Amino acid sequence: MTAAQAIVECMKLEEIKHVFCVPGESYLPLLDALYDTESIEVISARHEGGASFIAEGYAKATNKPGVVMATRGVGAANLSIGVHTAFQDSTPMVVFLGQVHSKFRGREGFQEVDLDQYFGHIAKWAVEVNDPDRMPELVQRAFRIAQTGRPGPVIVSLPENVLPSIAEMSFGPATVRPKPAPATDEIMRVDALLQKAKKPLIIAGGGVKSSNAEESLIAFAEKFSIPVIAAFRRQDVFPNDHKLYAGHLGLGTSKEVLQTVRESDVILAIGTRLSEVTTQDYTIITSDKKLIHIDINIETLGKVYAPDVGIVADSGEALEKLLDLTCSVNWKAWASERNTAYRQVSDLRATSEDVINKQIIASLERKLPKDTVITNDAGNFAGWFHSFYPFTRAKTYVGPTSGAMGYGMPAALGVKLADQSKTVVSLSGDGGFMMTVQELETAVRYQIPIISLVFNNNMYGTIRMHQEIHYPEKVIATGLGEVSFSKLAESVGAHGFTVHSLSDFENALDKALHNHGPTVIEIITDGEDISVSSTIQQLRDRVKK
């Protein structure tokens, strides 16, 4: 078979159902091979950045590799934002990139970029395949690397002369993800630390989600009455309405939630890399605390904090072993205290005095099905979402820990394609939404019925907030022009609404929940309400004092 056909055979072995792309002449043989394959649907996007976000969201929703294709240096550069997102979010992704003819390499051929070098820093592995008969070996290796250990993106560069070449091909088995478990002496060391703990705390991250260990986490926390905090943008790792939930470590985290970490004396970090945001600029896990760090990737242990007990293990396997601890200490009072502190600052009861952003979040909590999956962009609008929306079911949130703008709506397309039965809602600001708005046409073309909320305040709000904090009243580059997102949606065949009040929004949402195509609800917000805690004038007044 051809090398292109061999790639498709590898996809079939891994049970890939969707592939995302912007087409290019450099990999036409691969597209042709996919044309002849009924089991794989090709979704053609409007921009490679959008395609990579769709693939990344799809991978998060399926826990299988998102596959995305693009052409040469230009397409590769465009989709690199999705690769970086997958890298920081530990999302399995396999990226196939057309490359210039082997004979033209090193001559600055048309759109030539040394792709494996270009992506080396933001991918788990990058390889250029120059021998057709090695295509199965290297592509299967790519799928294996993307999915095992700490998941992430892998780049496969495909010179255009290699793809149509015919060779004898042999294939190995599909990837089986290893699930290492803790050693007995490691569990004993954890037990010894917990026996002495007065205020233990669990920080749970994406590793728990990728190992489908949410129920095991609940069982472990309940058995020992240990409060649980979610790592940055992993809120659905533990039910937010559970009596042991103590909050979310994100941007603008309330002082009450941070106090839980500060008061703790033993931290069990499970399936989290303890990122800059989760640790609040690496400040809240201090040397006076004992750290038990469990992660499937040995390089994660000690990369930020040296653990007192470091365990290389699958989160699910580790939690099952932790259930066997003999520790008999009771932490119910500590857990109840921290849950009460969380509930006091996350009260969703919207009043007429609240800004519309909080009213919208309260409405979503009331009206959306409980298994709705929500995606979001970066932006200050997310402050209300992260502070007040309660995630009560597992696998209901897909957000970029990389903080990429333009992520929300394309990721929602991937999530919806992964499970058509779920209601999928994306949240974006006007700045982020405009960056990938072209994928609305993709949603219309493939009839993917997502609901996109756009909080429009005509500015890059997050940057404006920092601008006002550090350089008050010196506003530059953060203002944006008027865009009617509802009309823009209608122009490509989607449903569009513009709302100014809660009642307008709820009417639009009721219609959107019954639409068969994509819907955009544009929410006009007051730019003065720059964050959950402050207005622009309050920021300025604070600096003057």
Protein backbone atom coordinates (compact mmCIF):
# COMPACT_ATOMS: atom_id res chain seq x y z
CA MET A 1 0.00 0.00 0.00
CA THR A 2 1.00 3.64 -0.20
CA ALA A 3 2.49 5.43 2.78
CA ALA A 4 -0.66 7.57 2.90
CA GLN A 5 -2.84 4.47 3.10
CA ALA A 6 -0.61 3.14 5.87
CA ILE A 7 -1.32 6.27 7.94
CA VAL A 8 -5.04 5.66 7.56
CA GLU A 9 -4.61 2.04 8.62
CA CYS A 10 -2.87 3.27 11.77
CA MET A 11 -5.80 5.62 12.45
CA LYS A 12 -8.24 2.72 12.04
CA LEU A 13 -6.23 0.58 14.46
CA GLU A 14 -6.52 3.39 17.03
CA GLU A 15 -10.28 3.63 16.31
CA ILE A 16 -10.08 7.25 15.18
CA LYS A 17 -13.51 8.45 14.04
CA HIS A 18 -12.87 12.12 13.17
CA VAL A 19 -9.94 13.95 11.60
CA PHE A 20 -9.71 17.75 11.43
CA CYS A 21 -7.88 19.80 8.83
CA VAL A 22 -7.43 22.64 6.44
CA PRO A 23 -6.62 20.93 3.13
CA GLY A 24 -3.25 21.39 1.42
CA GLU A 25 -1.66 20.08 -1.77
CA SER A 26 1.34 18.71 0.11
CA TYR A 27 -0.73 15.93 1.69
CA LEU A 28 -3.36 15.27 -0.99
CA PRO A 29 -2.52 11.52 -1.06
CA LEU A 30 -3.50 11.31 2.62
CA LEU A 31 -6.79 13.10 1.95
CA ASP A 32 -7.41 10.73 -0.96
CA ALA A 33 -6.80 7.71 1.29
CA LEU A 34 -9.27 9.12 3.82
CA TYR A 35 -11.83 9.58 1.03
CA ASP A 36 -11.75 5.81 0.56
CA THR A 37 -12.29 5.17 4.30
CA GLU A 38 -15.91 5.12 5.47
CA SER A 39 -15.14 4.82 9.19
CA ILE A 40 -13.36 8.19 9.47
CA GLU A 41 -15.07 11.54 8.91
CA VAL A 42 -12.91 14.45 7.78
CA ILE A 43 -13.94 17.85 9.16
CA SER A 44 -12.49 20.72 7.12
CA ALA A 45 -12.13 23.94 9.10
CA ARG A 46 -11.67 27.55 8.00
CA HIS A 47 -8.31 28.11 9.71
CA GLU A 48 -5.64 25.76 11.00
CA GLY A 49 -5.75 27.37 14.45
CA GLY A 50 -9.46 26.64 14.59
CA ALA A 51 -8.90 23.08 13.36
CA SER A 52 -6.34 22.43 16.09
CA PHE A 53 -8.67 23.78 18.80
CA ILE A 54 -11.50 21.57 17.49
CA ALA A 55 -9.17 18.56 17.62
CA GLU A 56 -7.97 19.47 21.12
CA GLY A 57 -11.51 19.84 22.46
CA TYR A 58 -12.49 16.57 20.77
CA ALA A 59 -9.54 14.82 22.43
CA LYS A 60 -10.49 16.13 25.87
CA ALA A 61 -14.06 14.92 25.39
CA THR A 62 -13.17 11.46 24.06
CA ASN A 63 -9.92 10.85 25.96
CA LYS A 64 -8.55 9.67 22.61
CA PRO A 65 -6.04 11.44 20.35
CA GLY A 66 -7.30 14.45 18.43
CA VAL A 67 -5.98 14.13 14.87
CA VAL A 68 -5.35 17.30 12.87
CA MET A 69 -3.72 17.88 9.48
CA ALA A 70 -2.25 20.92 7.77
CA THR A 71 0.20 21.82 5.05
CA ARG A 72 3.87 22.77 5.34
CA GLY A 73 5.21 25.72 7.29
CA VAL A 74 2.27 28.08 6.88
CA GLY A 75 -0.41 25.66 8.02
CA ALA A 76 1.87 24.32 10.72
CA ALA A 77 2.52 27.80 12.13
CA ASN A 78 -1.20 28.54 12.18
CA LEU A 79 -2.08 25.41 14.14
CA SER A 80 0.82 25.70 16.59
CA ILE A 81 -1.46 27.45 19.10
CA GLY A 82 -3.47 24.24 19.40
CA VAL A 83 -0.28 22.21 19.79
CA HIS A 84 0.85 24.46 22.63
CA THR A 85 -2.57 24.19 24.26
CA ALA A 86 -2.44 20.39 24.04
CA PHE A 87 1.06 20.39 25.52
CA GLN A 88 0.18 22.54 28.54
CA ASP A 89 -3.18 20.79 29.00
CA SER A 90 -1.73 17.25 28.68
CA THR A 91 -4.11 16.45 25.82
CA PRO A 92 -3.34 13.58 23.40
CA MET A 93 -2.99 14.87 19.84
CA VAL A 94 -1.36 13.61 16.66
CA VAL A 95 -0.57 16.26 14.06
CA PHE A 96 0.15 15.30 10.45
CA LEU A 97 1.90 18.04 8.48
CA GLY A 98 2.63 18.01 4.78
CA GLN A 99 6.26 18.81 4.03
CA VAL A 100 8.14 19.87 0.91
CA HIS A 101 9.60 17.24 -1.44
CA SER A 102 12.67 15.55 0.05
CA LYS A 103 14.81 16.72 -2.88
CA PHE A 104 13.96 20.33 -2.11
CA ARG A 105 14.74 20.21 1.62
CA GLY A 106 17.45 22.61 2.73
CA ARG A 107 16.94 24.88 -0.28
CA GLU A 108 14.27 27.07 1.32
CA GLY A 109 11.64 25.34 -0.76
CA PHE A 110 8.12 26.69 -1.05
CA GLN A 111 6.76 27.12 2.49
CA GLU A 112 9.65 25.07 3.89
CA VAL A 113 10.09 24.93 7.66
CA ASP A 114 12.10 22.37 9.59
CA LEU A 115 8.97 21.11 11.28
CA ASP A 116 10.43 18.70 13.82
CA GLN A 117 12.74 21.46 15.06
CA TYR A 118 9.98 24.08 14.95
CA PHE A 119 7.72 22.07 17.25
CA GLY A 120 10.41 20.44 19.37
CA HIS A 121 9.81 22.65 22.41
CA ILE A 122 5.99 22.37 22.49
CA ALA A 123 5.46 18.75 21.49
CA LYS A 124 6.17 15.45 23.23
CA TRP A 125 7.87 14.18 20.09
CA ALA A 126 8.36 15.32 16.51
CA VAL A 127 9.52 13.19 13.57
CA GLU A 128 9.89 13.47 9.82
CA VAL A 129 9.18 10.23 7.94
CA ASN A 130 11.49 9.82 4.96
CA ASP A 131 11.18 6.06 4.36
CA PRO A 132 7.74 4.88 3.17
CA ASP A 133 8.13 1.40 4.67
CA ARG A 134 8.72 2.93 8.14
CA MET A 135 5.43 4.83 8.07
CA PRO A 136 3.48 2.28 10.19
CA GLU A 137 6.29 2.03 12.74
CA LEU A 138 6.63 5.78 13.25
CA VAL A 139 2.95 6.68 13.07
CA GLN A 140 2.05 3.97 15.57
CA ARG A 141 4.84 5.25 17.77
CA ALA A 142 3.34 8.73 17.46
CA PHE A 143 -0.06 7.50 18.65
CA ARG A 144 1.58 5.60 21.51
CA ILE A 145 3.63 8.59 22.70
CA ALA A 146 0.63 10.92 22.46
CA GLN A 147 -1.45 8.71 24.76
CA THR A 148 0.94 7.20 27.29
CA GLY A 149 2.58 8.73 30.34
CA ARG A 150 1.59 12.38 30.51
CA PRO A 151 -0.49 12.72 27.30
CA GLY A 152 0.42 15.41 24.79
CA PRO A 153 0.84 16.40 21.14
CA VAL A 154 3.07 14.60 18.64
CA ILE A 155 4.12 15.99 15.26
CA VAL A 156 4.56 13.83 12.15
CA SER A 157 6.15 15.61 9.17
CA LEU A 158 5.31 14.05 5.78
CA PRO A 159 7.42 14.94 2.71
CA GLU A 160 5.04 15.06 -0.25
CA ASN A 161 7.07 12.53 -2.27
CA VAL A 162 6.85 9.92 0.51
CA LEU A 163 3.04 9.80 0.80
CA PRO A 164 2.27 8.23 -2.64
CA SER A 165 5.20 5.78 -2.44
CA ILE A 166 4.26 2.10 -2.32
CA ALA A 167 5.93 -0.33 0.09
CA GLU A 168 5.36 -3.51 2.04
CA MET A 169 3.75 -2.46 5.31
CA SER A 170 3.50 -4.27 8.64
CA PHE A 171 1.54 -3.07 11.65
CA GLY A 172 1.80 -3.63 15.36
CA PRO A 173 -1.04 -3.67 17.91
CA ALA A 174 -3.05 -0.61 18.86
CA THR A 175 -1.89 1.45 21.84
CA VAL A 176 -2.65 0.12 25.30
CA ARG A 177 -2.13 2.75 27.97
CA PRO A 178 0.00 1.53 30.88
CA LYS A 179 -1.47 2.15 34.34
CA PRO A 180 1.39 2.01 36.84
CA ALA A 181 0.37 1.60 40.48
CA PRO A 182 2.15 2.78 43.65
CA ALA A 183 4.50 0.42 45.45
CA THR A 184 3.50 -0.88 48.87
CA ASP A 185 6.23 1.08 50.66
CA GLU A 186 5.10 4.29 48.93
CA ILE A 187 1.57 3.81 50.26
CA MET A 188 3.04 3.19 53.72
CA ARG A 189 4.94 6.49 53.54
CA VAL A 190 1.72 8.30 52.58
CA ASP A 191 -0.02 6.63 55.51
CA ALA A 192 2.70 7.77 57.90
CA LEU A 193 2.41 11.41 56.80
CA LEU A 194 -1.38 11.42 57.03
CA GLN A 195 -1.30 9.89 60.53
CA LYS A 196 0.43 13.07 61.72
CA ALA A 197 -1.66 15.50 59.61
CA LYS A 198 -3.93 18.04 61.30
CA LYS A 199 -5.29 19.68 58.13
CA PRO A 200 -4.69 17.58 55.00
CA LEU A 201 -5.84 18.76 51.58
CA ILE A 202 -6.24 17.14 48.16
CA ILE A 203 -5.43 19.18 45.04
CA ALA A 204 -6.86 17.21 42.11
CA GLY A 205 -5.90 17.83 38.49
CA GLY A 206 -6.35 16.62 34.95
CA GLY A 207 -4.63 13.31 35.59
CA VAL A 208 -7.68 12.24 37.60
CA LYS A 209 -9.92 13.12 34.65
CA SER A 210 -7.79 11.39 32.00
CA SER A 211 -7.68 8.19 34.05
CA ASN A 212 -11.48 8.35 34.58
CA ALA A 213 -10.87 8.27 38.32
CA GLU A 214 -13.42 10.85 39.48
CA GLU A 215 -15.46 8.25 41.40
CA SER A 216 -12.32 6.87 43.03
CA LEU A 217 -11.41 10.40 44.13
CA ILE A 218 -14.83 10.82 45.73
CA ALA A 219 -14.50 7.47 47.50
CA PHE A 220 -11.04 8.30 48.87
CA ALA A 221 -12.00 11.81 50.01
CA GLU A 222 -15.17 10.52 51.67
CA LYS A 223 -13.45 7.63 53.47
CA PHE A 224 -11.03 9.97 55.21
CA SER A 225 -13.04 13.26 55.16
CA ILE A 226 -10.31 15.20 53.34
CA PRO A 227 -11.30 18.45 51.60
CA VAL A 228 -10.71 18.64 47.84
CA ILE A 229 -9.65 21.63 45.76
CA ALA A 230 -9.60 21.51 41.96
CA ALA A 231 -6.50 22.57 40.02
CA PHE A 232 -6.78 25.37 37.45
CA ARG A 233 -9.68 24.75 35.06
CA ARG A 234 -10.30 21.22 36.32
CA GLN A 235 -13.42 22.09 38.36
CA ASP A 236 -15.39 19.07 37.14
CA VAL A 237 -12.86 16.69 38.71
CA PHE A 238 -14.96 16.69 41.92
CA PRO A 239 -18.66 17.60 42.45
CA ASN A 240 -18.85 21.25 43.43
CA ASP A 241 -21.96 20.60 45.54
CA HIS A 242 -20.21 17.91 47.62
CA LYS A 243 -19.67 18.59 51.33
CA LEU A 244 -15.92 18.01 50.89
CA TYR A 245 -15.41 20.44 47.99
CA ALA A 246 -13.31 23.46 48.98
CA GLY A 247 -12.98 25.44 45.75
CA HIS A 248 -10.91 25.99 42.63
CA LEU A 249 -7.37 27.31 42.29
CA GLY A 250 -7.57 29.62 39.31
CA LEU A 251 -7.22 33.25 38.33
CA GLY A 252 -8.69 35.66 40.84
CA THR A 253 -9.25 32.91 43.41
CA SER A 254 -10.98 34.23 46.54
CA LYS A 255 -8.94 34.69 49.70
CA GLU A 256 -11.19 32.20 51.50
CA VAL A 257 -10.21 29.39 49.10
CA LEU A 258 -6.54 30.37 49.25
CA GLN A 259 -6.76 30.29 53.03
CA THR A 260 -7.61 26.59 52.83
CA VAL A 261 -4.28 25.92 51.14
CA ARG A 262 -2.40 28.20 53.51
CA GLU A 263 -3.80 26.46 56.60
CA SER A 264 -3.19 22.94 55.30
CA ASP A 265 -0.22 21.01 56.61
CA VAL A 266 -0.20 18.00 54.23
CA ILE A 267 -1.06 18.34 50.55
CA LEU A 268 -1.90 15.38 48.33
CA ALA A 269 -1.40 16.64 44.76
CA ILE A 270 -2.98 14.04 42.48
CA GLY A 271 -2.64 14.23 38.70
CA THR A 272 -1.60 17.89 38.60
CA ARG A 273 1.63 19.49 37.48
CA LEU A 274 1.14 22.28 40.07
CA SER A 275 1.15 24.98 37.43
CA GLU A 276 1.84 28.69 37.87
CA VAL A 277 -1.87 29.48 38.11
CA THR A 278 -2.80 26.56 40.38
CA THR A 279 -0.04 27.55 42.82
CA GLN A 280 -0.76 31.29 42.51
CA ASP A 281 2.63 32.14 41.02
CA TYR A 282 4.31 29.31 42.97
CA THR A 283 3.56 30.95 46.31
CA ILE A 284 0.95 28.97 48.23
CA ILE A 285 2.72 25.63 48.72
CA THR A 286 5.30 26.59 51.32
CA SER A 287 8.17 24.69 52.92
CA ASP A 288 6.27 24.16 56.16
CA LYS A 289 3.85 21.80 54.38
CA LYS A 290 4.40 18.15 53.58
CA LEU A 291 3.81 17.37 49.89
CA ILE A 292 2.64 14.04 48.53
CA HIS A 293 2.78 14.32 44.74
CA ILE A 294 1.27 11.60 42.54
CA ASP A 295 1.61 11.85 38.76
CA ILE A 296 2.05 9.47 35.85
CA ASN A 297 5.05 11.44 34.56
CA ILE A 298 8.30 11.19 36.52
CA GLU A 299 9.48 14.54 35.12
CA THR A 300 6.53 16.27 36.79
CA LEU A 301 7.67 15.20 40.25
CA GLY A 302 10.05 17.76 41.69
CA LYS A 303 9.82 20.05 38.66
CA VAL A 304 8.16 22.76 40.76
CA TYR A 305 8.27 21.48 44.34
CA ALA A 306 10.40 18.69 45.79
CA PRO A 307 7.88 16.19 47.20
CA ASP A 308 8.20 14.50 50.58
CA VAL A 309 6.64 11.49 48.86
CA GLY A 310 6.76 11.38 45.06
CA ILE A 311 4.87 8.59 43.35
CA VAL A 312 4.88 7.77 39.63
CA ALA A 313 1.44 6.27 39.09
CA ASP A 314 -1.81 6.44 37.19
CA SER A 315 -4.19 8.57 39.26
CA GLY A 316 -6.92 5.93 39.25
CA GLU A 317 -4.59 3.15 40.33
CA ALA A 318 -3.12 5.36 43.04
CA LEU A 319 -6.52 6.31 44.43
CA GLU A 320 -7.58 2.67 44.58
CA LYS A 321 -4.45 1.87 46.57
CA LEU A 322 -4.97 4.88 48.83
CA LEU A 323 -8.34 3.47 49.83
CA ASP A 324 -6.39 0.76 51.71
CA LEU A 325 -4.71 3.25 54.05
CA THR A 326 -5.04 2.38 57.73
CA CYS A 327 -5.07 6.02 58.80
CA SER A 328 -7.72 6.55 61.49
CA VAL A 329 -7.57 10.32 62.05
CA ASN A 330 -10.86 12.24 61.67
CA TRP A 331 -10.79 15.49 59.68
CA LYS A 332 -14.54 16.12 59.40
CA ALA A 333 -14.43 19.43 61.29
CA TRP A 334 -11.60 20.78 59.11
CA ALA A 335 -13.34 19.67 55.91
CA SER A 336 -16.68 21.17 56.99
CA GLU A 337 -15.04 24.49 57.86
CA ARG A 338 -13.38 24.79 54.45
CA ASN A 339 -16.51 23.74 52.55
CA THR A 340 -18.45 26.43 54.41
CA ALA A 341 -15.83 29.02 53.47
CA TYR A 342 -16.10 27.98 49.80
CA ARG A 343 -19.89 28.12 49.79
CA GLN A 344 -19.95 31.59 51.29
CA VAL A 345 -17.95 33.05 48.39
CA SER A 346 -19.60 31.03 45.60
CA ASP A 347 -23.24 31.84 46.36
CA LEU A 348 -25.04 32.06 43.01
CA ARG A 349 -28.19 33.86 44.17
CA ALA A 350 -28.41 36.65 41.62
CA THR A 351 -30.16 39.87 42.63
CA SER A 352 -31.28 42.84 40.59
CA GLU A 353 -28.14 44.71 41.72
CA ASP A 354 -25.79 42.10 40.29
CA VAL A 355 -24.03 42.73 37.00
CA ILE A 356 -25.49 40.84 34.06
CA ASN A 357 -22.49 38.49 33.93
CA LYS A 358 -23.43 36.90 37.26
CA GLN A 359 -27.11 36.81 36.33
CA ILE A 360 -26.21 34.88 33.18
CA ILE A 361 -24.21 32.30 35.16
CA ALA A 362 -27.14 31.87 37.57
CA SER A 363 -29.48 31.36 34.62
CA LEU A 364 -27.19 28.74 33.07
CA GLU A 365 -27.14 26.85 36.37
CA ARG A 366 -30.94 26.83 36.45
CA LYS A 367 -31.70 26.07 32.83
CA LEU A 368 -28.98 23.86 31.38
CA PRO A 369 -29.19 20.05 31.60
CA LYS A 370 -26.90 18.81 34.37
CA ASP A 371 -24.68 16.92 31.91
CA THR A 372 -24.13 20.00 29.71
CA VAL A 373 -20.49 20.39 28.67
CA ILE A 374 -19.14 23.95 28.88
CA THR A 375 -16.06 25.25 27.10
CA ASN A 376 -14.54 28.69 27.43
CA ASP A 377 -12.02 31.18 26.14
CA ALA A 378 -9.59 33.21 28.16
CA GLY A 379 -10.93 36.55 29.33
CA ASN A 380 -12.27 38.42 32.35
CA PHE A 381 -15.83 37.24 31.63
CA ALA A 382 -14.57 33.84 32.86
CA GLY A 383 -14.10 35.26 36.36
CA TRP A 384 -17.85 35.07 36.97
CA PHE A 385 -18.03 31.63 35.36
CA HIS A 386 -15.21 30.15 37.43
CA SER A 387 -16.39 31.80 40.64
CA PHE A 388 -20.07 30.91 40.50
CA TYR A 389 -20.95 28.09 38.08
CA PRO A 390 -21.26 24.77 39.95
CA PHE A 391 -19.97 21.68 38.19
CA THR A 392 -21.80 18.73 39.70
CA ARG A 393 -21.05 16.04 37.09
CA ALA A 394 -17.77 14.60 35.81
CA LYS A 395 -16.63 15.36 32.26
CA THR A 396 -18.70 18.53 31.92
CA TYR A 397 -15.94 21.13 31.50
CA VAL A 398 -13.37 21.64 28.76
CA GLY A 399 -11.14 24.68 29.25
CA PRO A 400 -7.61 25.65 28.22
CA THR A 401 -5.09 25.77 31.06
CA SER A 402 -2.84 27.42 28.48
CA GLY A 403 -5.16 30.43 28.56
CA ALA A 404 -5.51 30.52 24.77
CA MET A 405 -7.91 33.09 23.36
CA GLY A 406 -10.19 31.86 20.59
CA TYR A 407 -10.43 28.39 22.14
CA GLY A 408 -14.01 28.21 23.39
CA MET A 409 -16.17 27.96 20.29
CA PRO A 410 -13.93 25.66 18.18
CA ALA A 411 -13.37 23.39 21.19
CA ALA A 412 -17.15 23.20 21.60
CA LEU A 413 -17.40 21.87 18.04
CA GLY A 414 -14.99 19.08 18.91
CA VAL A 415 -16.86 18.27 22.12
CA LYS A 416 -20.21 18.12 20.31
CA LEU A 417 -18.82 15.87 17.58
CA ALA A 418 -17.53 13.57 20.32
CA ASP A 419 -21.02 13.16 21.79
CA GLN A 420 -24.01 14.47 19.86
CA SER A 421 -26.34 13.68 22.78
CA LYS A 422 -24.81 16.35 25.03
CA THR A 423 -25.76 20.01 25.15
CA VAL A 424 -22.55 21.97 24.53
CA VAL A 425 -22.15 25.65 25.43
CA SER A 426 -19.12 27.86 24.83
CA LEU A 427 -18.36 31.09 26.68
CA SER A 428 -16.22 33.79 25.07
CA GLY A 429 -15.46 37.46 25.26
CA ASP A 430 -15.75 39.58 22.14
CA GLY A 431 -11.96 39.68 21.76
CA GLY A 432 -11.44 35.94 21.90
CA PHE A 433 -14.53 35.03 19.91
CA MET A 434 -13.41 37.20 16.99
CA MET A 435 -10.11 35.30 16.78
CA THR A 436 -11.75 32.08 15.59
CA VAL A 437 -15.21 33.30 14.58
CA GLN A 438 -14.72 31.81 11.11
CA GLU A 439 -15.36 28.35 12.57
CA LEU A 440 -19.03 29.30 12.91
CA GLU A 441 -19.26 28.54 9.21
CA THR A 442 -17.70 25.14 9.92
CA ALA A 443 -20.41 24.55 12.52
CA VAL A 444 -23.10 25.49 10.00
CA ARG A 445 -21.61 23.37 7.20
CA TYR A 446 -21.49 20.24 9.33
CA GLN A 447 -24.66 21.14 11.29
CA ILE A 448 -23.02 21.06 14.73
CA PRO A 449 -25.60 22.57 17.12
CA ILE A 450 -23.55 24.29 19.79
CA ILE A 451 -24.58 27.37 21.76
CA SER A 452 -22.00 30.17 21.88
CA LEU A 453 -22.31 32.96 24.44
CA VAL A 454 -20.32 36.11 23.63
CA PHE A 455 -19.86 38.65 26.43
CA ASN A 456 -19.36 41.86 24.48
CA ASN A 457 -17.82 44.88 26.21
CA ASN A 458 -15.88 46.18 23.20
CA MET A 459 -12.47 45.68 24.75
CA TYR A 460 -9.70 43.25 25.59
CA GLY A 461 -10.95 43.20 29.16
CA THR A 462 -8.22 41.23 30.93
CA ILE A 463 -5.46 43.42 29.51
CA ARG A 464 -7.49 46.56 30.21
CA MET A 465 -7.80 45.48 33.86
CA HIS A 466 -4.04 45.05 34.23
CA GLN A 467 -3.52 48.29 32.33
CA GLU A 468 -5.69 50.15 34.84
CA ILE A 469 -3.89 48.51 37.78
CA HIS A 470 -0.39 49.37 36.58
CA TYR A 471 -0.96 52.42 34.33
CA PRO A 472 -4.32 53.89 35.41
CA GLU A 473 -6.24 56.00 32.89
CA LYS A 474 -3.52 55.50 30.22
CA VAL A 475 -5.70 53.39 27.94
CA ILE A 476 -3.96 52.16 24.80
CA ALA A 477 -4.54 49.21 22.41
CA THR A 478 -7.27 47.59 24.52
CA GLY A 479 -10.36 49.23 23.03
CA LEU A 480 -12.26 47.39 20.30
CA GLY A 481 -14.80 48.47 17.68
CA GLU A 482 -18.47 47.66 17.37
CA VAL A 483 -19.32 44.21 16.02
CA SER A 484 -22.79 42.70 15.85
CA PHE A 485 -22.06 39.08 16.59
CA SER A 486 -25.69 38.08 16.15
CA LYS A 487 -25.73 39.50 12.61
CA LEU A 488 -22.34 37.96 11.92
CA ALA A 489 -23.77 34.59 12.98
CA GLU A 490 -26.79 35.01 10.75
CA SER A 491 -24.57 35.92 7.80
CA VAL A 492 -23.03 32.42 7.80
CA GLY A 493 -26.31 30.62 8.44
CA ALA A 494 -26.26 30.31 12.25
CA HIS A 495 -28.93 31.59 14.63
CA GLY A 496 -28.09 34.91 16.26
CA PHE A 497 -29.46 36.87 19.22
CA THR A 498 -28.37 40.09 20.91
CA VAL A 499 -29.50 40.52 24.52
CA HIS A 500 -29.29 43.36 27.03
CA SER A 501 -31.09 41.87 30.03
CA LEU A 502 -31.57 38.61 31.89
CA SER A 503 -35.09 38.12 30.53
CA ASP A 504 -33.83 38.65 26.96
CA PHE A 505 -31.08 36.10 27.60
CA GLU A 506 -33.39 33.46 29.01
CA ASN A 507 -35.74 33.78 26.04
CA ALA A 508 -32.80 33.40 23.66
CA LEU A 509 -31.38 30.45 25.61
CA ASP A 510 -34.74 28.64 25.54
CA LYS A 511 -34.79 28.97 21.75
CA ALA A 512 -31.14 27.96 21.42
CA LEU A 513 -31.71 24.77 23.39
CA HIS A 514 -34.21 23.68 20.73
CA ASN A 515 -32.32 24.83 17.63
CA HIS A 516 -30.89 22.19 15.31
CA GLY A 517 -28.01 24.37 14.17
CA PRO A 518 -25.39 26.53 15.92
CA THR A 519 -26.58 29.56 17.89
CA VAL A 520 -24.76 32.70 19.01
CA ILE A 521 -26.13 34.73 21.90
CA GLU A 522 -24.38 38.08 22.16
CA ILE A 523 -24.61 39.56 25.67
CA ILE A 524 -24.04 43.31 25.83
CA THR A 525 -22.13 44.03 29.03
CA ASP A 526 -20.91 47.21 30.72
CA GLY A 527 -17.18 47.71 30.22
CA GLU A 528 -17.03 49.42 33.60
CA ASP A 529 -17.68 46.03 35.25
CA ILE A 530 -14.18 44.85 34.48
CA SER A 531 -13.93 42.01 37.02
CA VAL A 532 -15.85 40.09 39.68
CA SER A 533 -14.38 42.22 42.47
CA SER A 534 -13.82 45.68 40.95
CA THR A 535 -15.03 48.25 38.45
CA ILE A 536 -12.60 50.31 36.38
CA GLN A 537 -13.27 53.36 38.58
CA GLN A 538 -12.56 51.36 41.72
CA LEU A 539 -9.24 50.20 40.26
CA ARG A 540 -8.33 53.82 39.51
CA ASP A 541 -9.40 55.04 42.94
CA ARG A 542 -7.32 52.32 44.60
CA VAL A 543 -4.18 53.45 42.81
CA LYS A 544 -4.80 57.11 43.73
CA LYS A 545 -4.90 56.19 47.41
